Amino acid sequence: MPFEAENLQTLLARTIQIVLQAGEIIREQSRGPLAVRHKGPTDLVTQTDLAVEDFLFHALNKLESSIGFLGEEGAAAGNKVCLNSPVWIVDPVDGTTNYAHGLPFVATSVGLWSGSRMALGVVNCPLLGECFYAARGLGAWLGSYQTQTRQILKPDPACNQTGTELFAATRQLRVSTTLSLQNSLLATGFPYEAEPNLPVILKRLKQVLPATQGLRRCGAAAIDLAYVAAGRFDAYYEEWLKPWDVAAGWLLVEEAGGQVGDLRGAPYHLEAPGIIAANPKIFSELAALLNL
């Protein structure tokens, strides 16, 4: 079921409140020892991943019980969901390896899939004090807050339709206006199972590095996409991703005026194994470079 703009705006504000609450769990647990286990040789999960996903599952269900839920940890346990109806697509802690090593590039990503497209998206970086959010047709925004002084907020039905009172400052996001790939700063990421994919990874690096101003890696796809929306990166590409890695960030980039596609430059879809997100002025040039 598609959401009307007015309803979507209210839903976004209340979703932001819930995601900010989830951020308090990340902040609190980051201060103590973490229980870390391996899902794969380099794929980690902490008690925080599980606690945040459990919190979001119950809080979002209470917010709107008719919407399904697809979370990274539930999917890893074999849970499946149909995308033919509205569903929350959630990465509770994007950048778990960063989190386990005390690095602040950590985000919670919550996107709402509805009507065969992303309807809203929230990417909160609780250790950096930044929350990126967007709703279809309503633009992309950045709310900033002090990480040491935030109060834990409970979802308030009376919250206004923009949620601006939740932040110390807000601003609308726009992608960069860099005209050429040579003058562009890019971001990328690498899969957990790097070794079998090294030939492709290195081939793309060989193409991209000499053709751009530089390449960065945050270690969290949601943050990479949010930074493209904010104009901090001119573009981002990565392969071997899952829907929860990109759902919210995809909408952020589009609502900030960016272009999103697969690694061939075709229109993006949630089942695509790879993604390009860029300002429209360099999208085609980058897609041609990456289409091996």
Protein backbone atom coordinates (compact mmCIF):
# COMPACT_ATOMS: atom_id res chain seq x y z
CA MET A 1 0.00 0.00 0.00
CA PRO A 2 1.49 3.36 -0.99
CA PHE A 3 1.49 6.04 1.74
CA GLU A 4 0.09 9.53 1.14
CA ALA A 5 2.61 12.35 1.62
CA GLU A 6 0.98 13.69 4.80
CA ASN A 7 0.84 10.25 6.42
CA LEU A 8 4.38 9.51 5.25
CA GLN A 9 5.69 12.71 6.83
CA THR A 10 4.17 11.82 10.19
CA LEU A 11 5.39 8.23 9.93
CA LEU A 12 8.89 9.49 9.16
CA ALA A 13 8.99 11.73 12.24
CA ARG A 14 7.93 8.87 14.50
CA THR A 15 10.35 6.46 12.84
CA ILE A 16 13.18 8.91 13.48
CA GLN A 17 12.28 8.93 17.17
CA ILE A 18 12.45 5.13 17.30
CA VAL A 19 15.76 4.99 15.45
CA LEU A 20 17.24 7.60 17.79
CA GLN A 21 16.16 5.44 20.72
CA ALA A 22 17.94 2.49 19.12
CA GLY A 23 21.01 4.68 18.89
CA GLU A 24 21.01 5.02 22.67
CA ILE A 25 21.43 1.22 22.91
CA ILE A 26 24.47 1.42 20.62
CA ARG A 27 25.99 4.29 22.60
CA GLU A 28 25.39 2.69 25.98
CA GLN A 29 26.75 -0.72 25.01
CA SER A 30 29.77 0.82 23.26
CA ARG A 31 31.05 1.88 26.70
CA GLY A 32 31.40 -1.67 28.00
CA PRO A 33 32.93 -4.95 26.87
CA LEU A 34 31.24 -6.43 23.80
CA ALA A 35 30.26 -10.06 23.36
CA VAL A 36 31.39 -10.77 19.80
CA ARG A 37 30.86 -13.93 17.79
CA HIS A 38 31.60 -14.85 14.18
CA LYS A 39 28.95 -15.48 11.53
CA GLY A 40 31.84 -16.15 9.12
CA PRO A 41 35.65 -15.84 9.20
CA THR A 42 35.46 -12.01 9.13
CA ASP A 43 31.70 -11.42 9.55
CA LEU A 44 31.00 -10.38 13.15
CA VAL A 45 27.87 -9.99 15.23
CA THR A 46 27.69 -8.45 18.70
CA GLN A 47 25.06 -8.49 21.42
CA THR A 48 24.31 -4.91 20.30
CA ASP A 49 23.27 -6.04 16.79
CA LEU A 50 20.78 -8.44 18.36
CA ALA A 51 19.52 -6.00 20.99
CA VAL A 52 18.97 -3.18 18.49
CA GLU A 53 17.20 -5.40 15.97
CA ASP A 54 14.92 -6.80 18.70
CA PHE A 55 14.11 -3.27 19.89
CA LEU A 56 13.36 -2.06 16.36
CA PHE A 57 11.21 -5.11 15.57
CA HIS A 58 8.91 -4.46 18.52
CA ALA A 59 8.91 -0.65 18.32
CA LEU A 60 8.19 -0.51 14.57
CA ASN A 61 5.52 -3.18 14.89
CA LYS A 62 3.84 -1.12 17.60
CA LEU A 63 4.08 1.95 15.38
CA GLU A 64 2.39 0.21 12.40
CA SER A 65 1.52 -3.46 12.83
CA SER A 66 0.51 -3.96 9.18
CA ILE A 67 4.10 -3.49 7.95
CA GLY A 68 6.40 -6.52 7.71
CA PHE A 69 9.97 -6.64 9.01
CA LEU A 70 13.21 -7.77 7.35
CA GLY A 71 16.26 -7.42 9.59
CA GLU A 72 19.82 -8.50 8.88
CA GLU A 73 20.10 -10.79 11.89
CA GLY A 74 16.68 -12.36 11.33
CA ALA A 75 17.55 -12.95 7.68
CA ALA A 76 20.80 -14.60 8.76
CA ALA A 77 18.69 -16.94 10.90
CA GLY A 78 16.60 -17.90 7.86
CA ASN A 79 13.63 -15.55 8.26
CA LYS A 80 12.11 -14.52 4.95
CA VAL A 81 9.71 -11.75 3.97
CA CYS A 82 7.69 -10.91 0.87
CA LEU A 83 8.41 -7.59 -0.86
CA ASN A 84 4.96 -7.52 -2.46
CA SER A 85 3.63 -5.67 0.59
CA PRO A 86 5.06 -2.91 2.83
CA VAL A 87 8.08 -3.98 4.86
CA TRP A 88 10.69 -2.38 7.09
CA ILE A 89 14.21 -3.23 5.86
CA VAL A 90 16.63 -2.91 8.76
CA ASP A 91 20.35 -3.11 9.43
CA PRO A 92 20.59 -2.69 13.22
CA VAL A 93 24.35 -2.01 13.32
CA ASP A 94 25.91 -1.33 9.94
CA GLY A 95 29.66 -1.32 10.50
CA THR A 96 29.76 -4.03 13.17
CA THR A 97 33.48 -4.61 12.60
CA ASN A 98 34.09 -0.88 13.16
CA TYR A 99 31.97 -1.06 16.31
CA ALA A 100 33.85 -4.08 17.66
CA HIS A 101 37.14 -2.21 17.19
CA GLY A 102 36.00 1.07 18.72
CA LEU A 103 35.65 3.03 15.46
CA PRO A 104 32.71 5.48 15.29
CA PHE A 105 31.62 4.76 11.69
CA VAL A 106 28.53 2.84 12.80
CA ALA A 107 24.94 3.34 11.69
CA THR A 108 21.44 2.01 12.10
CA SER A 109 19.64 1.87 8.76
CA VAL A 110 15.83 1.66 8.58
CA GLY A 111 14.01 1.84 5.25
CA LEU A 112 10.34 1.36 4.41
CA TRP A 113 9.61 -0.52 1.20
CA SER A 114 6.09 0.20 -0.09
CA GLY A 115 4.44 0.23 -3.51
CA SER A 116 7.47 -1.38 -5.20
CA ARG A 117 9.85 1.39 -4.11
CA MET A 118 11.47 2.88 -1.03
CA ALA A 119 9.06 5.18 0.78
CA LEU A 120 11.21 6.45 3.64
CA GLY A 121 14.69 5.96 5.01
CA VAL A 122 16.60 6.81 8.18
CA VAL A 123 20.34 6.36 8.69
CA ASN A 124 21.40 7.29 12.21
CA CYS A 125 25.06 7.49 13.25
CA PRO A 126 24.81 7.54 17.05
CA LEU A 127 28.55 7.79 17.73
CA LEU A 128 28.89 10.71 15.31
CA GLY A 129 25.76 12.64 16.28
CA GLU A 130 24.21 12.68 12.81
CA CYS A 131 20.88 11.36 11.57
CA PHE A 132 20.14 11.33 7.84
CA TYR A 133 16.49 10.91 6.81
CA ALA A 134 14.24 11.10 3.76
CA ALA A 135 10.73 10.39 2.55
CA ARG A 136 9.60 9.90 -1.03
CA GLY A 137 8.95 13.31 -2.60
CA LEU A 138 9.81 15.19 0.60
CA GLY A 139 13.58 15.58 0.23
CA ALA A 140 16.57 14.31 2.20
CA TRP A 141 17.72 15.91 5.44
CA LEU A 142 20.46 15.81 8.05
CA GLY A 143 19.77 16.32 11.74
CA SER A 144 22.74 16.92 14.06
CA TYR A 145 22.82 16.35 17.81
CA GLN A 146 25.27 16.17 20.71
CA THR A 147 26.07 12.53 21.40
CA GLN A 148 26.91 13.18 25.05
CA THR A 149 23.78 15.13 25.96
CA ARG A 150 20.96 13.39 24.08
CA GLN A 151 17.95 12.46 26.12
CA ILE A 152 16.33 9.09 25.47
CA LEU A 153 13.12 9.93 23.63
CA LYS A 154 9.98 7.88 23.63
CA PRO A 155 7.82 7.79 20.49
CA ASP A 156 5.37 10.67 20.84
CA PRO A 157 2.18 10.67 18.75
CA ALA A 158 2.17 14.46 19.10
CA CYS A 159 5.57 14.80 17.40
CA ASN A 160 5.36 17.39 14.63
CA GLN A 161 5.43 16.35 11.00
CA THR A 162 9.09 17.13 10.38
CA GLY A 163 10.75 15.96 13.59
CA THR A 164 13.06 19.00 13.51
CA GLU A 165 12.66 19.51 17.27
CA LEU A 166 14.63 16.28 17.79
CA PHE A 167 17.88 17.91 16.62
CA ALA A 168 20.15 20.82 17.47
CA ALA A 169 20.30 21.71 13.76
CA THR A 170 18.88 20.43 10.47
CA ARG A 171 19.68 21.05 6.83
CA GLN A 172 18.46 19.75 3.50
CA LEU A 173 20.84 17.49 1.60
CA ARG A 174 22.01 17.80 -1.99
CA VAL A 175 24.52 15.67 -3.85
CA SER A 176 27.71 17.27 -5.09
CA THR A 177 27.97 19.18 -8.36
CA THR A 178 31.42 17.92 -9.34
CA LEU A 179 31.56 17.83 -13.13
CA SER A 180 34.20 15.19 -13.83
CA LEU A 181 35.27 11.85 -12.43
CA GLN A 182 38.88 13.07 -12.32
CA ASN A 183 37.89 15.66 -9.71
CA SER A 184 35.67 13.28 -7.73
CA LEU A 185 36.19 11.63 -4.35
CA LEU A 186 34.67 8.14 -4.28
CA ALA A 187 33.83 5.58 -1.61
CA THR A 188 33.66 1.82 -1.86
CA GLY A 189 33.50 -1.28 0.30
CA PHE A 190 34.72 -4.86 0.23
CA PRO A 191 32.87 -8.13 0.88
CA TYR A 192 33.48 -10.26 3.97
CA GLU A 193 34.72 -13.07 1.74
CA ALA A 194 37.34 -11.04 -0.07
CA GLU A 195 39.72 -13.74 -1.27
CA PRO A 196 37.51 -15.45 -3.90
CA ASN A 197 36.47 -12.02 -5.20
CA LEU A 198 39.93 -10.43 -5.30
CA PRO A 199 40.33 -10.53 -9.10
CA VAL A 200 37.18 -8.43 -9.63
CA ILE A 201 37.90 -6.14 -6.67
CA LEU A 202 41.42 -5.40 -7.89
CA LYS A 203 40.34 -4.96 -11.49
CA ARG A 204 37.83 -2.29 -10.46
CA LEU A 205 40.38 -0.59 -8.20
CA LYS A 206 42.83 -0.50 -11.11
CA GLN A 207 40.15 1.26 -13.17
CA VAL A 208 38.96 3.69 -10.49
CA LEU A 209 42.10 4.82 -8.65
CA PRO A 210 43.91 6.54 -11.55
CA ALA A 211 40.67 8.02 -12.89
CA THR A 212 39.56 9.82 -9.71
CA GLN A 213 40.81 12.15 -7.00
CA GLY A 214 40.78 9.36 -4.45
CA LEU A 215 38.94 6.41 -2.92
CA ARG A 216 37.76 6.02 0.68
CA ARG A 217 36.22 3.22 2.74
CA CYS A 218 34.07 3.89 5.82
CA GLY A 219 33.20 0.23 6.35
CA ALA A 220 29.45 0.90 6.46
CA ALA A 221 27.41 1.07 3.24
CA ALA A 222 24.63 3.10 4.86
CA ILE A 223 27.11 5.83 5.83
CA ASP A 224 28.72 5.80 2.38
CA LEU A 225 25.32 6.38 0.78
CA ALA A 226 24.37 9.06 3.30
CA TYR A 227 27.65 10.86 2.59
CA VAL A 228 26.91 10.79 -1.15
CA ALA A 229 23.52 12.36 -0.39
CA ALA A 230 25.28 15.02 1.70
CA GLY A 231 27.81 15.78 -1.07
CA ARG A 232 30.77 14.59 1.02
CA PHE A 233 31.47 11.83 -1.48
CA ASP A 234 30.80 12.41 -5.16
CA ALA A 235 29.99 8.73 -5.70
CA TYR A 236 29.99 5.30 -4.11
CA TYR A 237 30.11 1.82 -5.57
CA GLU A 238 30.13 -1.65 -4.09
CA GLU A 239 29.24 -5.24 -4.95
CA TRP A 240 27.96 -8.24 -2.95
CA LEU A 241 25.46 -6.26 -0.88
CA LYS A 242 22.14 -7.13 0.74
CA PRO A 243 18.88 -5.11 0.79
CA TRP A 244 19.39 -3.95 4.39
CA ASP A 245 22.80 -2.50 3.46
CA VAL A 246 21.35 -0.02 0.98
CA ALA A 247 17.57 0.35 1.42
CA ALA A 248 17.52 3.62 3.38
CA GLY A 249 20.62 5.09 1.72
CA TRP A 250 19.23 4.46 -1.77
CA LEU A 251 16.31 6.77 -1.04
CA LEU A 252 18.55 9.37 0.64
CA VAL A 253 20.65 9.69 -2.52
CA GLU A 254 17.66 9.93 -4.86
CA GLU A 255 15.87 12.50 -2.68
CA ALA A 256 19.11 14.54 -2.57
CA GLY A 257 19.14 14.69 -6.38
CA GLY A 258 21.50 11.79 -7.01
CA GLN A 259 21.32 8.84 -9.36
CA VAL A 260 21.39 5.20 -8.27
CA GLY A 261 21.92 2.17 -10.48
CA ASP A 262 23.53 -1.23 -10.61
CA LEU A 263 27.13 -1.75 -11.68
CA ARG A 264 26.12 -1.71 -15.35
CA GLY A 265 24.39 1.64 -14.90
CA ALA A 266 20.90 0.14 -15.20
CA PRO A 267 18.13 1.25 -12.76
CA TYR A 268 18.73 -0.11 -9.29
CA HIS A 269 16.58 -2.78 -7.63
CA LEU A 270 16.85 -4.47 -4.24
CA GLU A 271 18.02 -7.79 -5.70
CA ALA A 272 20.92 -6.16 -7.57
CA PRO A 273 24.25 -7.52 -6.28
CA GLY A 274 26.02 -4.21 -6.77
CA ILE A 275 25.27 -0.49 -6.60
CA ILE A 276 26.47 2.84 -7.95
CA ALA A 277 25.25 6.03 -6.27
CA ALA A 278 26.54 9.31 -7.65
CA ASN A 279 25.79 12.85 -8.58
CA PRO A 280 24.17 12.70 -12.05
CA LYS A 281 27.02 14.58 -13.71
CA ILE A 282 29.48 11.70 -13.21
CA PHE A 283 27.16 8.68 -12.99
CA SER A 284 27.45 7.50 -16.60
CA GLU A 285 31.22 7.98 -16.68
CA LEU A 286 31.63 5.93 -13.50
CA ALA A 287 29.22 3.22 -14.68
CA ALA A 288 31.21 2.82 -17.90
CA LEU A 289 34.39 2.43 -15.87
CA LEU A 290 32.90 -0.19 -13.53
CA ASN A 291 31.03 -2.26 -16.10
CA LEU A 292 33.70 -4.94 -16.50
